[in-house]
Amino acid sequence: MNSMQHLQVVPEESSPAKATEHMPTQRYSLWYWVLGSMLMLLIGSWFVWLSAYLQWKFVDDDIRAACHRTMPESADRCVDTVIIQRGGARR
């Protein structure tokens, strides 16, 4: 039996020195961190805007429904008056 049969040729590109060249450096991880932070800031600010819009919309619907119950003949004028009195601008 020849002992050379158990040896295996290792290709040059799979050597440990070459493998470490292709690993991401700390600079790339910093860019991923910055990009992730900006993405989270964008998504978070969109959620804040959405919640403010939905709250405004629900309040507007409540005011409109109350004005239609109390003053059906002049509901638009009632809505405008209530919104102005609460500090908001209409149209």
Protein backbone atom coordinates (compact mmCIF):
# COMPACT_ATOMS: atom_id res chain seq x y z
CA MET A 1 0.00 0.00 0.00
CA ASN A 2 1.21 3.40 -0.91
CA SER A 3 0.76 6.17 1.70
CA MET A 4 0.38 8.77 -1.04
CA GLN A 5 -3.14 7.58 -1.80
CA HIS A 6 -4.56 9.35 1.29
CA LEU A 7 -3.22 12.79 0.41
CA GLN A 8 -5.47 15.39 -1.12
CA VAL A 9 -4.55 18.43 -3.15
CA VAL A 10 -5.93 21.68 -1.69
CA PRO A 11 -6.82 24.33 -4.28
CA GLU A 12 -5.08 27.64 -3.82
CA GLU A 13 -8.25 29.78 -3.45
CA SER A 14 -9.46 27.85 -0.40
CA SER A 15 -6.40 28.60 1.69
CA PRO A 16 -7.09 30.36 5.05
CA ALA A 17 -5.17 33.50 4.04
CA LYS A 18 -7.34 34.00 0.95
CA ALA A 19 -10.58 33.22 2.82
CA THR A 20 -10.04 36.07 5.28
CA GLU A 21 -9.75 38.55 2.40
CA HIS A 22 -13.37 37.92 1.40
CA MET A 23 -14.82 38.31 4.89
CA PRO A 24 -16.64 41.59 5.57
CA THR A 25 -14.54 44.07 7.42
CA GLN A 26 -15.66 46.33 10.23
CA ARG A 27 -16.24 49.12 7.71
CA TYR A 28 -18.94 47.10 5.96
CA SER A 29 -20.64 46.26 9.23
CA LEU A 30 -20.68 49.97 10.08
CA TRP A 31 -22.43 50.72 6.78
CA TYR A 32 -24.99 48.00 7.49
CA TRP A 33 -25.58 49.50 10.93
CA VAL A 34 -26.05 53.01 9.49
CA LEU A 35 -28.32 51.75 6.72
CA GLY A 36 -30.39 49.72 9.20
CA SER A 37 -30.70 52.71 11.53
CA MET A 38 -31.86 54.98 8.72
CA LEU A 39 -34.37 52.37 7.59
CA MET A 40 -35.74 52.01 11.12
CA LEU A 41 -35.97 55.81 11.44
CA LEU A 42 -37.89 56.01 8.18
CA ILE A 43 -40.31 53.24 9.16
CA GLY A 44 -40.74 54.70 12.66
CA SER A 45 -41.50 58.19 11.38
CA TRP A 46 -44.01 56.73 8.93
CA PHE A 47 -45.78 54.95 11.79
CA VAL A 48 -45.89 58.19 13.81
CA TRP A 49 -47.38 60.04 10.83
CA LEU A 50 -49.89 57.25 10.24
CA SER A 51 -51.04 57.22 13.86
CA ALA A 52 -51.43 61.02 13.89
CA TYR A 53 -53.42 60.90 10.65
CA LEU A 54 -55.70 58.12 11.92
CA GLN A 55 -56.29 59.95 15.19
CA TRP A 56 -57.18 63.15 13.28
CA LYS A 57 -59.48 61.18 10.98
CA PHE A 58 -61.32 59.48 13.88
CA VAL A 59 -61.78 62.79 15.71
CA ASP A 60 -63.06 64.42 12.51
CA ASP A 61 -65.54 61.57 11.99
CA ASP A 62 -66.73 61.86 15.60
CA ILE A 63 -67.27 65.62 15.27
CA ARG A 64 -69.10 65.17 11.97
CA ALA A 65 -71.37 62.46 13.43
CA ALA A 66 -72.18 64.60 16.49
CA CYS A 67 -73.01 67.60 14.31
CA HIS A 68 -75.26 65.50 12.08
CA ARG A 69 -77.13 64.26 15.17
CA THR A 70 -77.58 67.69 16.75
CA MET A 71 -77.84 70.03 13.75
CA PRO A 72 -78.64 68.03 10.60
CA GLU A 73 -79.68 71.11 8.60
CA SER A 74 -76.33 72.91 9.08
CA ALA A 75 -73.90 70.09 9.81
CA ASP A 76 -71.04 71.50 7.71
CA ARG A 77 -71.19 74.83 9.50
CA CYS A 78 -71.25 73.02 12.85
CA VAL A 79 -68.19 70.94 11.90
CA ASP A 80 -66.28 74.03 10.82
CA THR A 81 -67.19 75.86 14.04
CA VAL A 82 -66.20 72.98 16.31
CA ILE A 83 -62.88 72.43 14.54
CA ILE A 84 -62.03 76.14 14.69
CA GLN A 85 -62.95 76.28 18.38
CA ARG A 86 -60.68 73.30 19.08
CA GLY A 87 -57.75 75.11 17.45
CA GLY A 88 -57.65 73.36 14.08
CA ALA A 89 -58.00 74.80 10.63
CA ARG A 90 -60.67 73.61 8.24
CA ARG A 91 -60.09 73.28 4.49
